[in-house]
Protein backbone atom coordinates (compact mmCIF):
# COMPACT_ATOMS: atom_id res chain seq x y z
CA MET A 1 -0.06 -0.17 -0.10
CA PHE A 2 0.95 3.72 -0.24
CA GLY A 3 1.35 4.31 3.34
CA GLY A 4 -2.33 5.65 3.43
CA ASN A 5 -1.93 7.87 0.79
CA LYS A 6 -4.50 7.57 -2.24
CA ILE A 7 -3.15 8.11 -5.77
CA VAL A 8 -5.92 10.26 -7.71
CA LYS A 9 -5.73 10.34 -11.58
CA THR A 10 -7.90 12.60 -13.67
CA LEU A 11 -8.84 11.45 -17.30
CA ASN A 12 -10.18 13.67 -19.93
CA ILE A 13 -12.90 11.84 -21.80
CA GLU A 14 -14.15 12.48 -24.98
CA GLY A 15 -17.31 11.17 -26.88
CA MET A 16 -19.63 11.11 -23.88
CA SER A 17 -23.00 12.83 -24.30
CA CYS A 18 -25.30 11.45 -21.64
CA MET A 19 -25.53 10.00 -18.35
CA HIS A 20 -25.63 6.37 -20.05
CA CYS A 21 -22.14 7.49 -21.29
CA VAL A 22 -20.98 8.30 -17.61
CA LYS A 23 -22.20 5.09 -16.46
CA LYS A 24 -20.33 3.12 -19.07
CA VAL A 25 -17.12 5.03 -18.56
CA GLU A 26 -17.62 4.69 -14.61
CA THR A 27 -18.26 0.68 -15.11
CA ALA A 28 -15.18 0.13 -17.30
CA LEU A 29 -13.05 1.90 -14.76
CA LYS A 30 -14.46 0.31 -11.67
CA GLU A 31 -13.33 -3.34 -13.46
CA VAL A 32 -9.66 -2.31 -13.45
CA LYS A 33 -7.87 -4.14 -10.76
CA GLY A 34 -6.56 -1.54 -8.28
CA VAL A 35 -9.40 1.02 -8.77
CA LYS A 36 -10.90 2.10 -5.78
CA SER A 37 -13.39 4.29 -6.96
CA VAL A 38 -14.50 6.60 -9.99
CA LYS A 39 -16.31 9.93 -10.39
CA VAL A 40 -17.24 10.86 -13.98
CA SER A 41 -18.15 14.30 -14.76
CA LEU A 42 -20.10 14.62 -18.26
CA GLU A 43 -20.09 18.55 -17.72
CA ASN A 44 -16.28 18.50 -17.41
CA LYS A 45 -15.76 15.44 -19.45
CA THR A 46 -13.53 13.83 -17.12
CA ALA A 47 -13.05 10.74 -14.89
CA GLU A 48 -11.53 11.27 -11.39
CA VAL A 49 -10.25 7.70 -10.27
CA THR A 50 -8.94 6.92 -6.98
CA LEU A 51 -6.61 3.99 -6.78
CA LYS A 52 -5.86 1.37 -4.06
CA GLU A 53 -2.61 0.49 -5.95
CA ASP A 54 -0.57 2.24 -8.57
CA VAL A 55 -2.15 1.56 -11.94
CA ASP A 56 -0.41 2.28 -15.53
CA ASP A 57 -2.18 5.20 -17.19
CA ASN A 58 -2.52 2.90 -20.07
CA VAL A 59 -4.35 0.35 -18.51
CA LEU A 60 -7.14 2.92 -17.43
CA LYS A 61 -7.03 4.52 -21.10
CA LYS A 62 -7.89 1.05 -22.49
CA ALA A 63 -10.50 0.35 -20.23
CA VAL A 64 -12.07 3.71 -21.42
CA GLU A 65 -11.47 3.02 -25.32
CA ASP A 66 -12.69 -0.53 -24.63
CA ALA A 67 -16.05 1.05 -23.56
CA GLY A 68 -16.02 3.14 -26.70
CA TYR A 69 -14.34 6.70 -25.67
CA GLU A 70 -11.70 8.57 -26.15
CA VAL A 71 -8.74 9.64 -23.44
CA ALA A 72 -7.74 13.17 -24.81
């Protein structure tokens, strides 16, 4: 663990247009091993990912892309 420190990464997401899109991105990111929680904002077009352990940015990006969206 990281000595109690949490890692938070913010991803800029392109292609979301509704709450269904938000849910799809949220679900895809939550399925990644090491992700503690996800907060997706349609308005800001971002996903704030809180991690339990370090996760490579490319793994998070692939999860979003596999869900049908782009990481800018």
